[in-house]
PDB file of all heavy atoms in Angstrom:
ATOM      1  N   LEU A   1      33.947  59.711 -16.156  1.00  0.00           N
ATOM      2  CA  LEU A   1      32.536  59.170 -15.866  1.00  0.00           C
ATOM      3  C   LEU A   1      31.838  60.226 -15.053  1.00  0.00           C
ATOM      4  O   LEU A   1      32.340  60.783 -14.190  1.00  0.00           O
ATOM      5  CB  LEU A   1      32.707  57.793 -15.036  1.00  0.00           C
ATOM      6  CG  LEU A   1      33.549  56.760 -15.723  1.00  0.00           C
ATOM      7  CD1 LEU A   1      33.727  55.578 -14.724  1.00  0.00           C
ATOM      8  CD2 LEU A   1      32.648  56.137 -16.887  1.00  0.00           C
ATOM      9  N   VAL A   2      30.573  60.419 -15.508  1.00  0.00           N
ATOM     10  CA  VAL A   2      29.865  61.340 -14.780  1.00  0.00           C
ATOM     11  C   VAL A   2      28.412  60.636 -14.360  1.00  0.00           C
ATOM     12  O   VAL A   2      27.661  60.237 -15.473  1.00  0.00           O
ATOM     13  CB  VAL A   2      29.484  62.602 -15.562  1.00  0.00           C
ATOM     14  CG1 VAL A   2      28.484  63.602 -14.835  1.00  0.00           C
ATOM     15  CG2 VAL A   2      30.722  63.395 -15.960  1.00  0.00           C
ATOM     16  N   GLU A   3      28.016  60.641 -13.209  1.00  0.00           N
ATOM     17  CA  GLU A   3      26.877  59.941 -12.642  1.00  0.00           C
ATOM     18  C   GLU A   3      25.690  61.021 -12.591  1.00  0.00           C
ATOM     19  O   GLU A   3      25.935  62.232 -12.441  1.00  0.00           O
ATOM     20  CB  GLU A   3      27.008  59.432 -11.409  1.00  0.00           C
ATOM     21  CG  GLU A   3      28.097  58.232 -11.231  1.00  0.00           C
ATOM     22  CD  GLU A   3      29.334  58.804 -10.671  1.00  0.00           C
ATOM     23  OE1 GLU A   3      29.586  60.105 -10.736  1.00  0.00           O
ATOM     24  OE2 GLU A   3      30.234  58.039 -10.088  1.00  0.00           O
ATOM     25  N   SER A   4      24.500  60.400 -12.708  1.00  0.00           N
ATOM     26  CA  SER A   4      23.344  61.376 -12.536  1.00  0.00           C
ATOM     27  C   SER A   4      22.093  60.563 -12.167  1.00  0.00           C
ATOM     28  O   SER A   4      22.268  59.240 -12.270  1.00  0.00           O
ATOM     29  CB  SER A   4      22.980  62.108 -13.885  1.00  0.00           C
ATOM     30  OG  SER A   4      22.720  61.248 -14.858  1.00  0.00           O
ATOM     31  N   GLY A   5      21.191  61.050 -11.624  1.00  0.00           N
ATOM     32  CA  GLY A   5      19.910  60.473 -11.240  1.00  0.00           C
ATOM     33  C   GLY A   5      19.670  60.127  -9.761  1.00  0.00           C
ATOM     34  O   GLY A   5      18.756  59.513  -9.392  1.00  0.00           O
ATOM     35  N   GLY A   6      20.752  60.453  -8.985  1.00  0.00           N
ATOM     36  CA  GLY A   6      20.561  60.283  -7.505  1.00  0.00           C
ATOM     37  C   GLY A   6      19.525  61.240  -6.937  1.00  0.00           C
ATOM     38  O   GLY A   6      19.084  62.199  -7.549  1.00  0.00           O
ATOM     39  N   GLY A   7      19.164  60.916  -5.730  1.00  0.00           N
ATOM     40  CA  GLY A   7      18.093  61.814  -5.087  1.00  0.00           C
ATOM     41  C   GLY A   7      17.544  61.115  -3.876  1.00  0.00           C
ATOM     42  O   GLY A   7      18.053  60.069  -3.381  1.00  0.00           O
ATOM     43  N   LEU A   8      16.404  61.696  -3.525  1.00  0.00           N
ATOM     44  CA  LEU A   8      15.588  61.244  -2.318  1.00  0.00           C
ATOM     45  C   LEU A   8      14.483  60.425  -2.650  1.00  0.00           C
ATOM     46  O   LEU A   8      13.742  60.983  -3.565  1.00  0.00           O
ATOM     47  CB  LEU A   8      15.319  62.350  -1.368  1.00  0.00           C
ATOM     48  CG  LEU A   8      14.385  62.121  -0.235  1.00  0.00           C
ATOM     49  CD1 LEU A   8      15.259  61.326   0.822  1.00  0.00           C
ATOM     50  CD2 LEU A   8      14.063  63.396   0.492  1.00  0.00           C
ATOM     51  N   VAL A   9      14.303  59.345  -2.146  1.00  0.00           N
ATOM     52  CA  VAL A   9      13.130  58.512  -2.558  1.00  0.00           C
ATOM     53  C   VAL A   9      12.534  57.728  -1.376  1.00  0.00           C
ATOM     54  O   VAL A   9      13.357  57.546  -0.459  1.00  0.00           O
ATOM     55  CB  VAL A   9      13.428  57.503  -3.782  1.00  0.00           C
ATOM     56  CG1 VAL A   9      14.516  56.472  -3.195  1.00  0.00           C
ATOM     57  CG2 VAL A   9      12.235  56.813  -4.200  1.00  0.00           C
ATOM     58  N   GLN A  10      11.261  57.671  -1.303  1.00  0.00           N
ATOM     59  CA  GLN A  10      10.625  56.720  -0.231  1.00  0.00           C
ATOM     60  C   GLN A  10      10.954  55.321  -0.353  1.00  0.00           C
ATOM     61  O   GLN A  10      11.172  54.817  -1.525  1.00  0.00           O
ATOM     62  CB  GLN A  10       9.210  57.127  -0.080  1.00  0.00           C
ATOM     63  CG  GLN A  10       8.891  58.480   0.365  1.00  0.00           C
ATOM     64  CD  GLN A  10       7.288  58.687   0.459  1.00  0.00           C
ATOM     65  OE1 GLN A  10       6.560  58.072  -0.296  1.00  0.00           O
ATOM     66  NE2 GLN A  10       7.027  59.485   1.241  1.00  0.00           N
ATOM     67  N   ALA A  11      10.929  54.680   0.755  1.00  0.00           N
ATOM     68  CA  ALA A  11      11.160  53.163   0.690  1.00  0.00           C
ATOM     69  C   ALA A  11      10.061  52.453  -0.062  1.00  0.00           C
ATOM     70  O   ALA A  11       8.904  52.907  -0.007  1.00  0.00           O
ATOM     71  CB  ALA A  11      11.095  52.665   2.261  1.00  0.00           C
ATOM     72  N   GLY A  12      10.511  51.562  -0.797  1.00  0.00           N
ATOM     73  CA  GLY A  12       9.536  50.891  -1.840  1.00  0.00           C
ATOM     74  C   GLY A  12       9.577  51.555  -3.246  1.00  0.00           C
ATOM     75  O   GLY A  12       9.056  50.952  -4.096  1.00  0.00           O
ATOM     76  N   GLY A  13      10.129  52.699  -3.330  1.00  0.00           N
ATOM     77  CA  GLY A  13      10.210  53.381  -4.569  1.00  0.00           C
ATOM     78  C   GLY A  13      11.299  52.958  -5.459  1.00  0.00           C
ATOM     79  O   GLY A  13      12.098  52.036  -5.088  1.00  0.00           O
ATOM     80  N   SER A  14      11.395  53.641  -6.589  1.00  0.00           N
ATOM     81  CA  SER A  14      12.382  53.391  -7.523  1.00  0.00           C
ATOM     82  C   SER A  14      13.201  54.576  -8.017  1.00  0.00           C
ATOM     83  O   SER A  14      12.710  55.678  -7.870  1.00  0.00           O
ATOM     84  CB  SER A  14      11.582  52.883  -8.721  1.00  0.00           C
ATOM     85  OG  SER A  14      11.078  51.467  -8.611  1.00  0.00           O
ATOM     86  N   LEU A  15      14.379  54.218  -8.495  1.00  0.00           N
ATOM     87  CA  LEU A  15      15.307  55.333  -8.956  1.00  0.00           C
ATOM     88  C   LEU A  15      16.109  54.696 -10.064  1.00  0.00           C
ATOM     89  O   LEU A  15      16.525  53.642  -9.946  1.00  0.00           O
ATOM     90  CB  LEU A  15      16.062  55.864  -7.916  1.00  0.00           C
ATOM     91  CG  LEU A  15      16.591  57.256  -7.917  1.00  0.00           C
ATOM     92  CD1 LEU A  15      15.588  58.305  -8.060  1.00  0.00           C
ATOM     93  CD2 LEU A  15      17.442  57.514  -6.706  1.00  0.00           C
ATOM     94  N   ARG A  16      16.512  55.500 -11.112  1.00  0.00           N
ATOM     95  CA  ARG A  16      17.433  55.018 -12.110  1.00  0.00           C
ATOM     96  C   ARG A  16      18.487  55.862 -12.062  1.00  0.00           C
ATOM     97  O   ARG A  16      18.484  57.153 -12.285  1.00  0.00           O
ATOM     98  CB  ARG A  16      16.719  55.053 -13.535  1.00  0.00           C
ATOM     99  CG  ARG A  16      17.631  54.347 -14.515  1.00  0.00           C
ATOM    100  CD  ARG A  16      16.946  54.184 -15.887  1.00  0.00           C
ATOM    101  NE  ARG A  16      17.083  55.387 -16.575  1.00  0.00           N
ATOM    102  CZ  ARG A  16      17.089  55.558 -18.001  1.00  0.00           C
ATOM    103  NH1 ARG A  16      17.033  54.441 -18.555  1.00  0.00           N
ATOM    104  NH2 ARG A  16      17.289  56.709 -18.438  1.00  0.00           N
ATOM    105  N   LEU A  17      19.702  55.333 -12.011  1.00  0.00           N
ATOM    106  CA  LEU A  17      21.049  55.946 -12.070  1.00  0.00           C
ATOM    107  C   LEU A  17      21.733  55.926 -13.503  1.00  0.00           C
ATOM    108  O   LEU A  17      21.363  54.940 -14.153  1.00  0.00           O
ATOM    109  CB  LEU A  17      22.035  55.562 -11.061  1.00  0.00           C
ATOM    110  CG  LEU A  17      21.638  55.562  -9.572  1.00  0.00           C
ATOM    111  CD1 LEU A  17      22.801  54.959  -8.748  1.00  0.00           C
ATOM    112  CD2 LEU A  17      21.113  57.041  -9.092  1.00  0.00           C
ATOM    113  N   SER A  18      22.120  56.886 -13.971  1.00  0.00           N
ATOM    114  CA  SER A  18      22.865  56.831 -15.315  1.00  0.00           C
ATOM    115  C   SER A  18      24.299  57.315 -15.201  1.00  0.00           C
ATOM    116  O   SER A  18      24.649  58.084 -14.225  1.00  0.00           O
ATOM    117  CB  SER A  18      22.200  57.853 -16.247  1.00  0.00           C
ATOM    118  OG  SER A  18      20.780  57.416 -16.527  1.00  0.00           O
ATOM    119  N   CYS A  19      25.247  56.815 -16.010  1.00  0.00           N
ATOM    120  CA  CYS A  19      26.628  57.241 -15.968  1.00  0.00           C
ATOM    121  C   CYS A  19      27.007  57.153 -17.379  1.00  0.00           C
ATOM    122  O   CYS A  19      26.948  56.253 -18.020  1.00  0.00           O
ATOM    123  CB  CYS A  19      27.421  56.142 -15.132  1.00  0.00           C
ATOM    124  SG  CYS A  19      29.157  56.430 -15.210  1.00  0.00           S
ATOM    125  N   ALA A  20      27.421  58.441 -17.736  1.00  0.00           N
ATOM    126  CA  ALA A  20      27.903  58.681 -19.167  1.00  0.00           C
ATOM    127  C   ALA A  20      29.457  58.694 -19.121  1.00  0.00           C
ATOM    128  O   ALA A  20      30.096  59.428 -18.444  1.00  0.00           O
ATOM    129  CB  ALA A  20      27.523  60.073 -19.623  1.00  0.00           C
ATOM    130  N   ALA A  21      29.991  57.855 -19.965  1.00  0.00           N
ATOM    131  CA  ALA A  21      31.518  57.795 -20.167  1.00  0.00           C
ATOM    132  C   ALA A  21      31.945  58.745 -21.370  1.00  0.00           C
ATOM    133  O   ALA A  21      31.222  58.876 -22.372  1.00  0.00           O
ATOM    134  CB  ALA A  21      32.008  56.493 -20.315  1.00  0.00           C
ATOM    135  N   SER A  22      33.011  59.398 -21.215  1.00  0.00           N
ATOM    136  CA  SER A  22      33.698  60.072 -22.303  1.00  0.00           C
ATOM    137  C   SER A  22      35.239  59.831 -22.223  1.00  0.00           C
ATOM    138  O   SER A  22      35.724  59.317 -21.343  1.00  0.00           O
ATOM    139  CB  SER A  22      33.434  61.656 -22.087  1.00  0.00           C
ATOM    140  OG  SER A  22      33.912  62.137 -20.953  1.00  0.00           O
ATOM    141  N   GLY A  23      35.949  60.356 -23.344  1.00  0.00           N
ATOM    142  CA  GLY A  23      37.245  60.036 -23.524  1.00  0.00           C
ATOM    143  C   GLY A  23      37.502  58.676 -24.413  1.00  0.00           C
ATOM    144  O   GLY A  23      36.787  58.664 -25.441  1.00  0.00           O
ATOM    145  N   SER A  24      38.307  57.809 -23.974  1.00  0.00           N
ATOM    146  CA  SER A  24      38.569  56.654 -24.673  1.00  0.00           C
ATOM    147  C   SER A  24      37.496  55.575 -24.465  1.00  0.00           C
ATOM    148  O   SER A  24      37.850  54.521 -23.857  1.00  0.00           O
ATOM    149  CB  SER A  24      39.919  56.156 -24.296  1.00  0.00           C
ATOM    150  OG  SER A  24      41.086  57.142 -24.495  1.00  0.00           O
ATOM    151  N   ILE A  25      36.360  55.941 -24.916  1.00  0.00           N
ATOM    152  CA  ILE A  25      35.153  55.009 -24.563  1.00  0.00           C
ATOM    153  C   ILE A  25      35.192  53.732 -25.181  1.00  0.00           C
ATOM    154  O   ILE A  25      34.721  52.765 -24.737  1.00  0.00           O
ATOM    155  CB  ILE A  25      33.852  55.818 -24.946  1.00  0.00           C
ATOM    156  CG1 ILE A  25      33.816  56.190 -26.368  1.00  0.00           C
ATOM    157  CG2 ILE A  25      33.632  56.997 -23.899  1.00  0.00           C
ATOM    158  CD1 ILE A  25      32.530  56.710 -26.724  1.00  0.00           C
ATOM    159  N   PHE A  26      35.877  53.668 -26.417  1.00  0.00           N
ATOM    160  CA  PHE A  26      35.847  52.431 -27.019  1.00  0.00           C
ATOM    161  C   PHE A  26      36.849  51.453 -26.407  1.00  0.00           C
ATOM    162  O   PHE A  26      37.015  50.153 -26.675  1.00  0.00           O
ATOM    163  CB  PHE A  26      36.250  52.553 -28.517  1.00  0.00           C
ATOM    164  CG  PHE A  26      35.272  53.330 -29.255  1.00  0.00           C
ATOM    165  CD1 PHE A  26      35.598  54.759 -29.683  1.00  0.00           C
ATOM    166  CD2 PHE A  26      33.869  52.867 -29.506  1.00  0.00           C
ATOM    167  CE1 PHE A  26      34.659  55.408 -30.274  1.00  0.00           C
ATOM    168  CE2 PHE A  26      33.011  53.596 -30.143  1.00  0.00           C
ATOM    169  CZ  PHE A  26      33.358  54.816 -30.488  1.00  0.00           C
ATOM    170  N   SER A  27      37.669  51.825 -25.544  1.00  0.00           N
ATOM    171  CA  SER A  27      38.563  50.977 -24.715  1.00  0.00           C
ATOM    172  C   SER A  27      37.874  50.246 -23.614  1.00  0.00           C
ATOM    173  O   SER A  27      38.433  49.369 -22.931  1.00  0.00           O
ATOM    174  CB  SER A  27      39.710  51.624 -24.242  1.00  0.00           C
ATOM    175  OG  SER A  27      39.412  52.545 -23.255  1.00  0.00           O
ATOM    176  N   ILE A  28      36.695  50.645 -23.272  1.00  0.00           N
ATOM    177  CA  ILE A  28      35.931  50.245 -22.080  1.00  0.00           C
ATOM    178  C   ILE A  28      35.413  48.779 -22.335  1.00  0.00           C
ATOM    179  O   ILE A  28      34.738  48.606 -23.333  1.00  0.00           O
ATOM    180  CB  ILE A  28      34.859  51.046 -21.550  1.00  0.00           C
ATOM    181  CG1 ILE A  28      35.485  52.523 -21.226  1.00  0.00           C
ATOM    182  CG2 ILE A  28      33.966  50.586 -20.489  1.00  0.00           C
ATOM    183  CD1 ILE A  28      34.564  53.550 -20.998  1.00  0.00           C
ATOM    184  N   ASP A  29      35.683  47.890 -21.353  1.00  0.00           N
ATOM    185  CA  ASP A  29      34.821  46.658 -21.311  1.00  0.00           C
ATOM    186  C   ASP A  29      33.889  46.684 -20.088  1.00  0.00           C
ATOM    187  O   ASP A  29      32.695  46.928 -20.430  1.00  0.00           O
ATOM    188  CB  ASP A  29      35.758  45.457 -21.131  1.00  0.00           C
ATOM    189  CG  ASP A  29      35.165  44.153 -21.393  1.00  0.00           C
ATOM    190  OD1 ASP A  29      34.024  43.961 -21.083  1.00  0.00           O
ATOM    191  OD2 ASP A  29      35.777  43.140 -21.836  1.00  0.00           O
ATOM    192  N   ALA A  30      34.456  46.508 -18.972  1.00  0.00           N
ATOM    193  CA  ALA A  30      33.563  46.353 -17.871  1.00  0.00           C
ATOM    194  C   ALA A  30      33.134  47.727 -17.483  1.00  0.00           C
ATOM    195  O   ALA A  30      33.655  48.820 -17.496  1.00  0.00           O
ATOM    196  CB  ALA A  30      34.318  45.774 -16.634  1.00  0.00           C
ATOM    197  N   MET A  31      31.746  47.819 -16.896  1.00  0.00           N
ATOM    198  CA  MET A  31      31.300  49.079 -16.304  1.00  0.00           C
ATOM    199  C   MET A  31      30.487  48.536 -15.111  1.00  0.00           C
ATOM    200  O   MET A  31      29.918  47.408 -15.143  1.00  0.00           O
ATOM    201  CB  MET A  31      30.388  49.805 -17.225  1.00  0.00           C
ATOM    202  CG  MET A  31      31.103  50.274 -18.412  1.00  0.00           C
ATOM    203  SD  MET A  31      30.102  51.584 -19.419  1.00  0.00           S
ATOM    204  CE  MET A  31      30.278  52.971 -18.347  1.00  0.00           C
ATOM    205  N   GLY A  32      30.460  49.239 -14.031  1.00  0.00           N
ATOM    206  CA  GLY A  32      29.722  48.859 -12.825  1.00  0.00           C
ATOM    207  C   GLY A  32      29.403  49.982 -12.001  1.00  0.00           C
ATOM    208  O   GLY A  32      29.598  51.113 -12.172  1.00  0.00           O
ATOM    209  N   TRP A  33      28.805  49.535 -10.759  1.00  0.00           N
ATOM    210  CA  TRP A  33      28.223  50.571  -9.724  1.00  0.00           C
ATOM    211  C   TRP A  33      28.772  50.121  -8.469  1.00  0.00           C
ATOM    212  O   TRP A  33      28.551  48.848  -8.074  1.00  0.00           O
ATOM    213  CB  TRP A  33      26.842  50.715  -9.738  1.00  0.00           C
ATOM    214  CG  TRP A  33      26.309  51.457 -11.056  1.00  0.00           C
ATOM    215  CD1 TRP A  33      25.842  50.734 -12.174  1.00  0.00           C
ATOM    216  CD2 TRP A  33      26.106  52.736 -11.151  1.00  0.00           C
ATOM    217  NE1 TRP A  33      25.337  51.540 -12.897  1.00  0.00           N
ATOM    218  CE2 TRP A  33      25.502  53.030 -12.396  1.00  0.00           C
ATOM    219  CE3 TRP A  33      26.300  53.866 -10.316  1.00  0.00           C
ATOM    220  CZ2 TRP A  33      25.125  54.217 -13.005  1.00  0.00           C
ATOM    221  CZ3 TRP A  33      25.975  55.070 -10.922  1.00  0.00           C
ATOM    222  CH2 TRP A  33      25.430  55.331 -12.093  1.00  0.00           C
ATOM    223  N   TYR A  34      29.454  50.965  -7.647  1.00  0.00           N
ATOM    224  CA  TYR A  34      29.730  50.610  -6.388  1.00  0.00           C
ATOM    225  C   TYR A  34      28.892  51.637  -5.482  1.00  0.00           C
ATOM    226  O   TYR A  34      28.341  52.570  -5.912  1.00  0.00           O
ATOM    227  CB  TYR A  34      31.175  51.093  -5.998  1.00  0.00           C
ATOM    228  CG  TYR A  34      32.265  50.074  -6.472  1.00  0.00           C
ATOM    229  CD1 TYR A  34      32.703  50.104  -7.777  1.00  0.00           C
ATOM    230  CD2 TYR A  34      32.796  49.085  -5.584  1.00  0.00           C
ATOM    231  CE1 TYR A  34      33.634  49.202  -8.150  1.00  0.00           C
ATOM    232  CE2 TYR A  34      33.725  48.204  -5.986  1.00  0.00           C
ATOM    233  CZ  TYR A  34      34.235  48.257  -7.273  1.00  0.00           C
ATOM    234  OH  TYR A  34      35.165  47.340  -7.730  1.00  0.00           O
TER     235      TYR A  34
END
């Protein structure tokens, strides 16, 4: 799993994180963010 999209943002702003999976991707059911 490789995350991207983090950074610095001002309060009230928005940000979108992405996470691309590779390998045995078809075995994945749950995905989440901690």
